[in-house]
């Protein structure tokens, strides 16, 4: 959710985001490549590949890419150098890329454990406040953050509770295709 419109990679638009659902990482279409990493937590998992590890995205930096890819950045994932495709997923910070991509981190203004970007940040000098509230003053309350593997996040990864299905009738692990965010306005 952005407060300022702009192209997907416009820094001022990215900086205005008050809620970000981190995506799951992709995988190069090669049977030897590991699966992409789940997205959606305050930070994401490391993709275990002894030759080309891909490191996790967090609240303050993108995931480091492996030898076959680039690192994730603020708002977008890394690129696989063999295919020129984004294997690293987008998110608050994007996952790194290698033979497989890391998931992107999530962000919710007001969610304890999130680290908001400073209003004074520029594309080449990103600063964080150490506070969960976005500089706009818009915050969410009673938030729940669940990653693609179904783990609940408070200030850290907690118990497995399952990722809700799109219709809310059950739980699932991961998602193919477009993701969803459910927001309920309460007066």
N, C-alpha and C. Protein backbone atom coordinates (compact mmCIF):
# COMPACT_ATOMS: atom_id res chain seq x y z
N UNK A 1 0.85 -1.17 0.00
CA UNK A 1 0.00 0.00 0.00
C UNK A 1 0.89 1.23 0.00
N UNK A 2 0.76 2.00 -1.06
CA UNK A 2 1.60 3.19 -1.21
C UNK A 2 0.76 4.44 -1.04
N UNK A 3 1.36 5.46 -0.46
CA UNK A 3 0.68 6.74 -0.30
C UNK A 3 1.01 7.69 -1.44
N UNK A 4 2.09 7.39 -2.18
CA UNK A 4 2.54 8.20 -3.31
C UNK A 4 2.55 7.31 -4.55
N UNK A 5 1.90 7.73 -5.61
CA UNK A 5 1.88 6.92 -6.83
C UNK A 5 3.22 7.03 -7.56
N UNK A 6 3.43 6.13 -8.49
CA UNK A 6 4.66 6.12 -9.26
C UNK A 6 4.90 4.75 -9.85
N UNK A 7 5.89 4.66 -10.70
CA UNK A 7 6.28 3.38 -11.29
C UNK A 7 6.69 2.43 -10.17
N UNK A 8 6.71 1.13 -10.46
CA UNK A 8 6.99 0.12 -9.44
C UNK A 8 8.32 0.37 -8.72
N UNK A 9 9.31 0.96 -9.43
CA UNK A 9 10.63 1.14 -8.85
C UNK A 9 10.94 2.59 -8.48
N UNK A 10 9.94 3.47 -8.50
CA UNK A 10 10.13 4.87 -8.12
C UNK A 10 10.42 4.96 -6.62
N UNK A 11 11.56 5.51 -6.25
CA UNK A 11 11.98 5.48 -4.85
C UNK A 11 11.00 6.19 -3.93
N UNK A 12 10.54 7.37 -4.29
CA UNK A 12 9.62 8.08 -3.40
C UNK A 12 8.31 7.33 -3.22
N UNK A 13 7.88 6.62 -4.24
CA UNK A 13 6.69 5.79 -4.12
C UNK A 13 6.97 4.58 -3.22
N UNK A 14 8.12 3.93 -3.41
CA UNK A 14 8.51 2.81 -2.55
C UNK A 14 8.63 3.25 -1.09
N UNK A 15 9.19 4.42 -0.88
CA UNK A 15 9.39 4.94 0.47
C UNK A 15 8.06 5.20 1.17
N UNK A 16 7.02 5.46 0.40
CA UNK A 16 5.71 5.79 0.98
C UNK A 16 4.90 4.58 1.39
N UNK A 17 5.42 3.37 1.18
CA UNK A 17 4.67 2.15 1.49
C UNK A 17 4.43 2.02 2.99
N UNK A 18 3.17 1.76 3.35
CA UNK A 18 2.82 1.57 4.75
C UNK A 18 2.49 0.11 5.05
N UNK A 19 2.36 -0.70 4.01
CA UNK A 19 2.17 -2.15 4.18
C UNK A 19 2.74 -2.84 2.96
N UNK A 20 3.55 -3.88 3.21
CA UNK A 20 4.18 -4.64 2.13
C UNK A 20 4.07 -6.12 2.46
N UNK A 21 3.52 -6.89 1.55
CA UNK A 21 3.50 -8.35 1.69
C UNK A 21 4.66 -8.90 0.88
N UNK A 22 5.69 -9.41 1.56
CA UNK A 22 6.87 -9.94 0.89
C UNK A 22 6.52 -11.19 0.09
N UNK A 23 7.02 -11.25 -1.14
CA UNK A 23 6.74 -12.38 -2.02
C UNK A 23 7.70 -13.54 -1.81
N UNK A 24 7.33 -14.70 -2.32
CA UNK A 24 8.18 -15.88 -2.27
C UNK A 24 9.14 -15.88 -3.45
N UNK A 25 10.35 -16.39 -3.24
CA UNK A 25 11.36 -16.41 -4.27
C UNK A 25 11.10 -17.45 -5.34
N UNK A 26 11.60 -17.19 -6.52
CA UNK A 26 11.46 -18.11 -7.64
C UNK A 26 12.67 -19.03 -7.73
N UNK A 27 12.68 -19.86 -8.76
CA UNK A 27 13.79 -20.78 -8.96
C UNK A 27 14.08 -20.86 -10.45
N UNK A 28 15.34 -20.94 -10.78
CA UNK A 28 15.76 -21.08 -12.16
C UNK A 28 15.23 -22.42 -12.65
N UNK A 29 14.78 -22.48 -13.89
CA UNK A 29 14.17 -23.69 -14.45
C UNK A 29 15.23 -24.74 -14.75
N UNK A 30 15.87 -25.21 -13.70
CA UNK A 30 16.93 -26.20 -13.80
C UNK A 30 16.71 -27.18 -12.66
N UNK A 31 16.65 -28.45 -12.98
CA UNK A 31 16.32 -29.44 -11.95
C UNK A 31 17.33 -29.46 -10.80
N UNK A 32 18.52 -28.90 -10.99
CA UNK A 32 19.52 -28.90 -9.91
C UNK A 32 19.35 -27.71 -8.97
N UNK A 33 18.53 -26.74 -9.34
CA UNK A 33 18.36 -25.55 -8.50
C UNK A 33 17.44 -25.86 -7.33
N UNK A 34 17.75 -25.32 -6.14
CA UNK A 34 16.85 -25.50 -5.01
C UNK A 34 15.58 -24.68 -5.20
N UNK A 35 14.58 -24.96 -4.40
CA UNK A 35 13.33 -24.18 -4.46
C UNK A 35 13.58 -22.78 -3.92
N UNK A 36 12.78 -21.83 -4.39
CA UNK A 36 12.85 -20.47 -3.88
C UNK A 36 12.38 -20.41 -2.44
N UNK A 37 12.82 -19.37 -1.73
CA UNK A 37 12.50 -19.22 -0.31
C UNK A 37 11.16 -18.55 -0.08
N UNK A 38 10.53 -18.90 1.03
CA UNK A 38 9.26 -18.28 1.42
C UNK A 38 9.49 -16.82 1.77
N UNK A 39 8.53 -16.01 1.47
CA UNK A 39 8.58 -14.60 1.84
C UNK A 39 7.57 -14.32 2.93
N UNK A 40 7.56 -13.09 3.37
CA UNK A 40 6.48 -12.66 4.22
C UNK A 40 6.76 -12.43 5.68
N UNK A 41 7.94 -12.73 6.17
CA UNK A 41 8.25 -12.46 7.58
C UNK A 41 9.00 -11.16 7.73
N UNK A 42 9.40 -10.85 8.96
CA UNK A 42 10.25 -9.68 9.19
C UNK A 42 11.58 -9.87 8.49
N UNK A 43 12.01 -11.11 8.41
CA UNK A 43 13.18 -11.47 7.62
C UNK A 43 12.86 -12.81 6.97
N UNK A 44 13.68 -13.21 6.04
CA UNK A 44 13.39 -14.44 5.30
C UNK A 44 14.51 -15.44 5.47
N UNK A 45 14.24 -16.66 5.05
CA UNK A 45 15.21 -17.74 5.25
C UNK A 45 16.36 -17.68 4.25
N UNK A 46 17.48 -18.26 4.65
CA UNK A 46 18.62 -18.44 3.76
C UNK A 46 18.32 -19.64 2.87
N UNK A 47 18.61 -19.53 1.57
CA UNK A 47 18.45 -20.65 0.65
C UNK A 47 19.71 -21.50 0.76
N UNK A 48 19.59 -22.71 1.28
CA UNK A 48 20.79 -23.53 1.50
C UNK A 48 21.29 -24.15 0.20
N UNK A 49 22.36 -23.64 -0.30
CA UNK A 49 23.03 -24.21 -1.47
C UNK A 49 24.51 -24.00 -1.21
N UNK A 50 25.24 -25.05 -0.95
CA UNK A 50 26.64 -24.93 -0.53
C UNK A 50 27.50 -24.17 -1.53
N UNK A 51 27.15 -24.22 -2.81
CA UNK A 51 27.95 -23.53 -3.82
C UNK A 51 27.51 -22.08 -4.04
N UNK A 52 26.24 -21.81 -3.88
CA UNK A 52 25.69 -20.49 -4.17
C UNK A 52 24.63 -20.09 -3.15
N UNK A 53 24.98 -19.93 -1.87
CA UNK A 53 23.95 -19.58 -0.90
C UNK A 53 23.35 -18.20 -1.20
N UNK A 54 22.06 -18.07 -0.94
CA UNK A 54 21.36 -16.80 -1.08
C UNK A 54 20.90 -16.41 0.31
N UNK A 55 21.23 -15.21 0.74
CA UNK A 55 20.97 -14.81 2.11
C UNK A 55 19.65 -14.07 2.25
N UNK A 56 19.22 -13.95 3.49
CA UNK A 56 17.87 -13.46 3.76
C UNK A 56 17.72 -11.95 3.65
N UNK A 57 16.52 -11.54 3.26
CA UNK A 57 16.12 -10.14 3.30
C UNK A 57 15.65 -9.83 4.71
N UNK A 58 15.90 -8.62 5.18
CA UNK A 58 15.52 -8.23 6.53
C UNK A 58 14.74 -6.91 6.48
N UNK A 59 14.62 -6.27 7.62
CA UNK A 59 13.97 -4.97 7.71
C UNK A 59 14.88 -3.83 7.29
N UNK A 60 16.18 -4.09 7.13
CA UNK A 60 17.11 -3.01 6.81
C UNK A 60 18.00 -3.26 5.60
N UNK A 61 17.91 -4.45 5.00
CA UNK A 61 18.72 -4.69 3.79
C UNK A 61 18.15 -5.86 2.99
N UNK A 62 18.47 -5.81 1.71
CA UNK A 62 18.06 -6.90 0.82
C UNK A 62 18.92 -8.12 1.03
N UNK A 63 18.41 -9.26 0.57
CA UNK A 63 19.16 -10.49 0.67
C UNK A 63 20.36 -10.47 -0.26
N UNK A 64 21.49 -10.96 0.23
CA UNK A 64 22.70 -11.03 -0.58
C UNK A 64 22.55 -12.12 -1.62
N UNK A 65 22.89 -11.82 -2.85
CA UNK A 65 22.80 -12.80 -3.92
C UNK A 65 23.94 -13.80 -3.89
N UNK A 66 23.73 -14.94 -4.54
CA UNK A 66 24.78 -15.94 -4.68
C UNK A 66 25.68 -15.59 -5.85
N UNK A 67 26.59 -16.49 -6.20
CA UNK A 67 27.54 -16.21 -7.28
C UNK A 67 26.84 -16.12 -8.64
N UNK A 68 25.64 -16.66 -8.75
CA UNK A 68 24.91 -16.59 -10.02
C UNK A 68 23.85 -15.51 -10.03
N UNK A 69 23.90 -14.57 -9.07
CA UNK A 69 22.85 -13.56 -9.03
C UNK A 69 23.26 -12.31 -8.29
N UNK A 70 22.32 -11.38 -8.24
CA UNK A 70 22.56 -10.11 -7.57
C UNK A 70 21.77 -10.06 -6.26
N UNK A 71 22.10 -9.10 -5.44
CA UNK A 71 21.43 -8.91 -4.16
C UNK A 71 20.09 -8.20 -4.34
N UNK A 72 19.19 -8.43 -3.40
CA UNK A 72 17.93 -7.70 -3.37
C UNK A 72 18.15 -6.28 -2.88
N UNK A 73 17.22 -5.42 -3.17
CA UNK A 73 17.33 -4.01 -2.81
C UNK A 73 16.03 -3.56 -2.12
N UNK A 74 15.95 -2.31 -1.78
CA UNK A 74 14.75 -1.75 -1.18
C UNK A 74 13.62 -1.79 -2.21
N UNK A 75 12.70 -2.73 -2.03
CA UNK A 75 11.53 -2.81 -2.91
C UNK A 75 11.57 -3.86 -4.00
N UNK A 76 12.71 -4.44 -4.29
CA UNK A 76 12.74 -5.43 -5.37
C UNK A 76 13.85 -6.47 -5.17
N UNK A 77 13.63 -7.63 -5.79
CA UNK A 77 14.54 -8.75 -5.62
C UNK A 77 15.68 -8.76 -6.62
N UNK A 78 16.66 -9.62 -6.35
CA UNK A 78 17.83 -9.76 -7.20
C UNK A 78 17.53 -10.53 -8.48
N UNK A 79 18.47 -10.45 -9.41
CA UNK A 79 18.33 -11.05 -10.74
C UNK A 79 19.30 -12.21 -10.88
N UNK A 80 18.85 -13.30 -11.51
CA UNK A 80 19.71 -14.44 -11.82
C UNK A 80 20.53 -14.08 -13.05
N UNK A 81 21.86 -14.13 -12.95
CA UNK A 81 22.71 -13.70 -14.06
C UNK A 81 22.68 -14.62 -15.27
N UNK A 82 22.26 -15.88 -15.10
CA UNK A 82 22.16 -16.78 -16.25
C UNK A 82 20.90 -16.52 -17.07
N UNK A 83 19.85 -16.05 -16.43
CA UNK A 83 18.57 -15.92 -17.13
C UNK A 83 18.08 -14.49 -17.26
N UNK A 84 18.63 -13.55 -16.52
CA UNK A 84 18.17 -12.17 -16.45
C UNK A 84 16.76 -12.04 -15.92
N UNK A 85 16.28 -13.05 -15.21
CA UNK A 85 14.97 -12.99 -14.58
C UNK A 85 15.14 -12.72 -13.10
N UNK A 86 14.14 -12.05 -12.52
CA UNK A 86 14.15 -11.82 -11.08
C UNK A 86 13.75 -13.12 -10.39
N UNK A 87 14.71 -13.81 -9.81
CA UNK A 87 14.40 -14.98 -8.98
C UNK A 87 14.14 -14.53 -7.55
N UNK A 88 14.84 -13.48 -7.12
CA UNK A 88 14.62 -12.93 -5.79
C UNK A 88 13.28 -12.20 -5.78
N UNK A 89 12.52 -12.41 -4.74
CA UNK A 89 11.18 -11.82 -4.67
C UNK A 89 11.23 -10.39 -4.16
N UNK A 90 10.24 -9.63 -4.55
CA UNK A 90 10.09 -8.28 -4.04
C UNK A 90 9.53 -8.30 -2.63
N UNK A 91 9.65 -7.18 -1.97
CA UNK A 91 9.14 -7.04 -0.62
C UNK A 91 9.55 -5.69 -0.08
N UNK A 92 9.44 -5.52 1.23
CA UNK A 92 9.96 -4.28 1.84
C UNK A 92 11.41 -4.18 1.37
N UNK A 93 12.17 -5.24 1.63
CA UNK A 93 13.45 -5.44 0.97
C UNK A 93 13.34 -6.76 0.22
N UNK A 94 13.93 -6.81 -0.98
CA UNK A 94 13.82 -7.99 -1.80
C UNK A 94 14.85 -9.05 -1.47
N UNK A 95 14.53 -10.28 -1.84
CA UNK A 95 15.43 -11.40 -1.65
C UNK A 95 16.54 -11.40 -2.68
N UNK A 96 17.67 -11.97 -2.32
CA UNK A 96 18.78 -12.12 -3.25
C UNK A 96 18.48 -13.21 -4.25
N UNK A 97 19.30 -13.28 -5.30
CA UNK A 97 19.10 -14.28 -6.34
C UNK A 97 20.36 -15.08 -6.54
N UNK A 98 20.18 -16.28 -7.00
CA UNK A 98 21.25 -17.21 -7.36
C UNK A 98 20.57 -18.22 -8.25
N UNK A 99 20.83 -19.52 -8.10
CA UNK A 99 20.05 -20.51 -8.83
C UNK A 99 18.59 -20.50 -8.37
N UNK A 100 18.39 -20.07 -7.13
CA UNK A 100 17.04 -19.88 -6.58
C UNK A 100 17.02 -18.51 -5.94
N UNK A 101 15.83 -17.99 -5.72
CA UNK A 101 15.70 -16.66 -5.14
C UNK A 101 15.21 -16.69 -3.71
N UNK A 102 15.67 -15.73 -2.94
CA UNK A 102 15.19 -15.56 -1.58
C UNK A 102 13.87 -14.81 -1.57
N UNK A 103 13.08 -15.04 -0.55
CA UNK A 103 11.83 -14.31 -0.38
C UNK A 103 12.07 -12.89 0.08
N UNK A 104 11.07 -12.05 -0.14
CA UNK A 104 11.14 -10.66 0.30
C UNK A 104 10.57 -10.50 1.70
N UNK A 105 11.09 -9.53 2.45
CA UNK A 105 10.58 -9.27 3.79
C UNK A 105 9.27 -8.47 3.71
N UNK A 106 8.47 -8.59 4.76
CA UNK A 106 7.21 -7.84 4.84
C UNK A 106 7.37 -6.65 5.77
N UNK A 107 6.43 -5.72 5.69
CA UNK A 107 6.43 -4.53 6.54
C UNK A 107 4.99 -4.10 6.75
N UNK A 108 4.66 -3.79 8.01
CA UNK A 108 3.35 -3.23 8.34
C UNK A 108 3.61 -2.08 9.31
N UNK A 109 3.23 -0.88 8.96
CA UNK A 109 3.43 0.26 9.85
C UNK A 109 2.67 0.01 11.15
N UNK A 110 3.39 0.03 12.26
CA UNK A 110 2.80 -0.22 13.57
C UNK A 110 3.01 -1.63 14.09
N UNK A 111 3.47 -2.55 13.24
CA UNK A 111 3.71 -3.93 13.68
C UNK A 111 5.04 -3.99 14.41
N UNK A 112 5.01 -4.38 15.66
CA UNK A 112 6.22 -4.46 16.46
C UNK A 112 7.24 -5.35 15.77
N UNK A 113 8.47 -4.87 15.70
CA UNK A 113 9.53 -5.61 15.02
C UNK A 113 9.86 -5.03 13.65
N UNK A 114 8.94 -4.26 13.08
CA UNK A 114 9.22 -3.60 11.79
C UNK A 114 10.13 -2.40 12.04
N UNK A 115 10.92 -2.05 11.04
CA UNK A 115 11.87 -0.95 11.15
C UNK A 115 11.61 0.01 9.99
N UNK A 116 10.96 1.12 10.29
CA UNK A 116 10.50 2.05 9.26
C UNK A 116 11.63 2.87 8.67
N UNK A 117 11.46 3.18 7.40
CA UNK A 117 12.39 4.04 6.70
C UNK A 117 12.17 5.49 7.15
N UNK A 118 13.25 6.25 7.21
CA UNK A 118 13.17 7.66 7.58
C UNK A 118 12.66 8.48 6.40
N UNK A 119 11.90 9.51 6.70
CA UNK A 119 11.40 10.39 5.64
C UNK A 119 12.55 11.08 4.91
N UNK A 120 13.68 11.25 5.57
CA UNK A 120 14.85 11.91 4.97
C UNK A 120 15.65 10.99 4.05
N UNK A 121 15.29 9.73 3.97
CA UNK A 121 16.03 8.78 3.13
C UNK A 121 15.97 9.17 1.66
N UNK A 122 17.07 8.91 0.99
CA UNK A 122 17.13 9.06 -0.46
C UNK A 122 17.49 7.70 -1.05
N UNK A 123 17.38 7.58 -2.34
CA UNK A 123 17.65 6.30 -3.00
C UNK A 123 19.05 5.76 -2.68
N UNK A 124 20.00 6.67 -2.50
CA UNK A 124 21.38 6.25 -2.27
C UNK A 124 21.82 6.43 -0.82
N UNK A 125 20.91 6.82 0.05
CA UNK A 125 21.20 6.97 1.47
C UNK A 125 19.95 6.62 2.27
N UNK A 126 19.68 5.32 2.38
CA UNK A 126 18.49 4.86 3.10
C UNK A 126 18.82 4.79 4.60
N UNK A 127 17.96 5.40 5.38
CA UNK A 127 18.11 5.40 6.84
C UNK A 127 16.86 4.81 7.45
N UNK A 128 17.02 4.12 8.56
CA UNK A 128 15.89 3.55 9.28
C UNK A 128 15.77 4.18 10.65
N UNK A 129 14.55 4.23 11.16
CA UNK A 129 14.29 4.92 12.42
C UNK A 129 14.40 4.03 13.64
N UNK A 130 14.34 2.70 13.46
CA UNK A 130 14.29 1.79 14.59
C UNK A 130 12.90 1.74 15.22
N UNK A 131 11.95 2.40 14.59
CA UNK A 131 10.57 2.48 15.07
C UNK A 131 9.67 1.80 14.05
N UNK A 132 8.58 1.21 14.52
CA UNK A 132 7.69 0.51 13.59
C UNK A 132 6.71 1.45 12.88
N UNK A 133 6.56 2.67 13.35
CA UNK A 133 5.57 3.58 12.75
C UNK A 133 6.16 4.32 11.56
N UNK A 134 5.44 4.29 10.43
CA UNK A 134 5.84 4.99 9.21
C UNK A 134 5.81 6.49 9.45
N UNK A 135 6.70 7.22 8.78
CA UNK A 135 6.79 8.67 8.97
C UNK A 135 5.50 9.42 8.65
N UNK A 136 4.60 8.83 7.88
CA UNK A 136 3.33 9.47 7.54
C UNK A 136 2.40 9.57 8.74
N UNK A 137 2.65 8.75 9.74
CA UNK A 137 1.75 8.70 10.90
C UNK A 137 0.66 7.65 10.76
N UNK A 138 0.51 7.08 9.56
CA UNK A 138 -0.49 6.02 9.36
C UNK A 138 0.05 4.72 9.95
N UNK A 139 -0.75 4.09 10.81
CA UNK A 139 -0.34 2.82 11.39
C UNK A 139 -1.53 1.87 11.42
N UNK A 140 -1.21 0.60 11.50
CA UNK A 140 -2.21 -0.45 11.64
C UNK A 140 -2.13 -0.99 13.06
N UNK A 141 -3.25 -1.45 13.58
CA UNK A 141 -3.27 -2.03 14.92
C UNK A 141 -3.77 -3.47 14.85
N UNK A 142 -3.47 -4.24 15.88
CA UNK A 142 -3.88 -5.64 15.95
C UNK A 142 -3.47 -6.42 14.70
N UNK A 143 -2.24 -6.23 14.28
CA UNK A 143 -1.75 -6.84 13.05
C UNK A 143 -1.31 -8.28 13.28
N UNK A 144 -1.40 -9.07 12.22
CA UNK A 144 -0.90 -10.44 12.20
C UNK A 144 -0.04 -10.56 10.95
N UNK A 145 1.17 -11.05 11.12
CA UNK A 145 2.07 -11.25 9.98
C UNK A 145 2.40 -12.74 9.92
N UNK A 146 2.05 -13.37 8.81
CA UNK A 146 2.28 -14.80 8.62
C UNK A 146 3.10 -14.97 7.35
N UNK A 147 4.20 -15.70 7.44
CA UNK A 147 5.04 -15.89 6.25
C UNK A 147 4.49 -17.00 5.36
N UNK A 148 5.10 -17.20 4.22
CA UNK A 148 4.64 -18.19 3.24
C UNK A 148 4.72 -19.62 3.72
N UNK A 149 5.52 -19.88 4.74
CA UNK A 149 5.60 -21.22 5.33
C UNK A 149 4.56 -21.41 6.43
N UNK A 150 3.84 -20.35 6.79
CA UNK A 150 2.78 -20.46 7.79
C UNK A 150 3.18 -20.11 9.21
N UNK A 151 4.34 -19.46 9.39
CA UNK A 151 4.78 -19.08 10.73
C UNK A 151 4.36 -17.66 11.06
N UNK A 152 3.90 -17.47 12.28
CA UNK A 152 3.49 -16.16 12.78
C UNK A 152 4.74 -15.37 13.19
N UNK A 153 4.74 -14.07 12.91
CA UNK A 153 5.85 -13.20 13.28
C UNK A 153 5.37 -12.12 14.22
N UNK A 154 5.99 -12.05 15.40
CA UNK A 154 5.81 -10.89 16.26
C UNK A 154 7.10 -10.10 16.08
N UNK A 155 7.94 -10.00 17.09
CA UNK A 155 9.26 -9.39 16.89
C UNK A 155 10.25 -10.41 16.34
N UNK A 156 9.82 -11.68 16.29
CA UNK A 156 10.64 -12.77 15.75
C UNK A 156 9.71 -13.86 15.23
N UNK A 157 10.29 -14.85 14.59
CA UNK A 157 9.51 -15.98 14.09
C UNK A 157 8.96 -16.77 15.26
N UNK A 158 7.66 -16.99 15.24
CA UNK A 158 6.99 -17.69 16.35
C UNK A 158 6.48 -19.04 15.88
N UNK A 159 5.40 -19.49 16.44
CA UNK A 159 4.82 -20.80 16.16
C UNK A 159 4.19 -20.89 14.77
N UNK A 160 4.15 -22.11 14.27
CA UNK A 160 3.44 -22.40 13.02
C UNK A 160 1.93 -22.28 13.29
N UNK A 161 1.25 -21.46 12.50
CA UNK A 161 -0.21 -21.36 12.62
C UNK A 161 -0.90 -21.60 11.29
N UNK A 162 -0.13 -21.66 10.22
CA UNK A 162 -0.68 -21.89 8.89
C UNK A 162 -1.04 -20.58 8.21
N UNK A 163 -0.75 -20.51 6.93
CA UNK A 163 -1.12 -19.34 6.14
C UNK A 163 -2.56 -19.52 5.69
N UNK A 164 -3.44 -18.54 5.98
CA UNK A 164 -4.85 -18.71 5.61
C UNK A 164 -5.03 -18.82 4.10
N UNK A 165 -5.99 -19.64 3.69
CA UNK A 165 -6.36 -19.69 2.27
C UNK A 165 -7.01 -18.37 1.90
N UNK A 166 -7.10 -18.10 0.62
CA UNK A 166 -7.65 -16.82 0.16
C UNK A 166 -9.06 -16.59 0.63
N UNK A 167 -9.85 -17.65 0.75
CA UNK A 167 -11.23 -17.48 1.20
C UNK A 167 -11.39 -17.61 2.71
N UNK A 168 -10.28 -17.86 3.41
CA UNK A 168 -10.32 -17.94 4.87
C UNK A 168 -10.88 -19.24 5.42
N UNK A 169 -11.11 -20.24 4.58
CA UNK A 169 -11.75 -21.48 5.03
C UNK A 169 -10.76 -22.50 5.60
N UNK A 170 -9.47 -22.27 5.45
CA UNK A 170 -8.46 -23.23 5.92
C UNK A 170 -7.09 -22.61 5.87
N UNK A 171 -6.07 -23.47 5.79
CA UNK A 171 -4.69 -22.98 5.69
C UNK A 171 -4.01 -23.65 4.52
N UNK A 172 -2.90 -23.06 4.09
CA UNK A 172 -2.11 -23.60 2.98
C UNK A 172 -0.65 -23.25 3.23
N UNK A 173 0.24 -23.87 2.50
CA UNK A 173 1.65 -23.53 2.55
C UNK A 173 2.01 -22.98 1.19
N UNK A 174 2.44 -21.74 1.16
CA UNK A 174 2.81 -21.09 -0.09
C UNK A 174 1.62 -20.81 -0.98
N UNK A 175 1.90 -20.22 -2.12
CA UNK A 175 0.86 -19.82 -3.05
C UNK A 175 1.45 -19.70 -4.44
N UNK A 176 0.80 -20.29 -5.43
CA UNK A 176 1.19 -20.07 -6.81
C UNK A 176 0.36 -18.93 -7.37
N UNK A 177 0.96 -18.11 -8.18
CA UNK A 177 0.23 -17.00 -8.79
C UNK A 177 0.25 -15.78 -7.89
N UNK A 178 -0.73 -14.91 -8.09
CA UNK A 178 -0.81 -13.65 -7.36
C UNK A 178 -1.09 -13.87 -5.89
N UNK A 179 -0.52 -13.03 -5.06
CA UNK A 179 -0.76 -13.08 -3.62
C UNK A 179 -1.95 -12.22 -3.24
N UNK A 180 -2.28 -12.25 -1.97
CA UNK A 180 -3.42 -11.50 -1.46
C UNK A 180 -3.06 -10.87 -0.13
N UNK A 181 -3.68 -9.77 0.17
CA UNK A 181 -3.64 -9.18 1.51
C UNK A 181 -5.07 -8.91 1.91
N UNK A 182 -5.41 -9.23 3.13
CA UNK A 182 -6.76 -8.99 3.63
C UNK A 182 -6.71 -7.88 4.65
N UNK A 183 -7.43 -6.82 4.39
CA UNK A 183 -7.46 -5.67 5.28
C UNK A 183 -8.91 -5.42 5.64
N UNK A 184 -9.19 -5.32 6.92
CA UNK A 184 -10.54 -5.07 7.40
C UNK A 184 -10.56 -3.70 8.07
N UNK A 185 -11.37 -2.79 7.55
CA UNK A 185 -11.50 -1.46 8.13
C UNK A 185 -12.49 -1.53 9.28
N UNK A 186 -12.09 -1.05 10.44
CA UNK A 186 -12.95 -1.04 11.60
C UNK A 186 -13.12 0.40 12.06
N UNK A 187 -14.35 0.86 12.12
CA UNK A 187 -14.60 2.25 12.55
C UNK A 187 -14.48 2.37 14.05
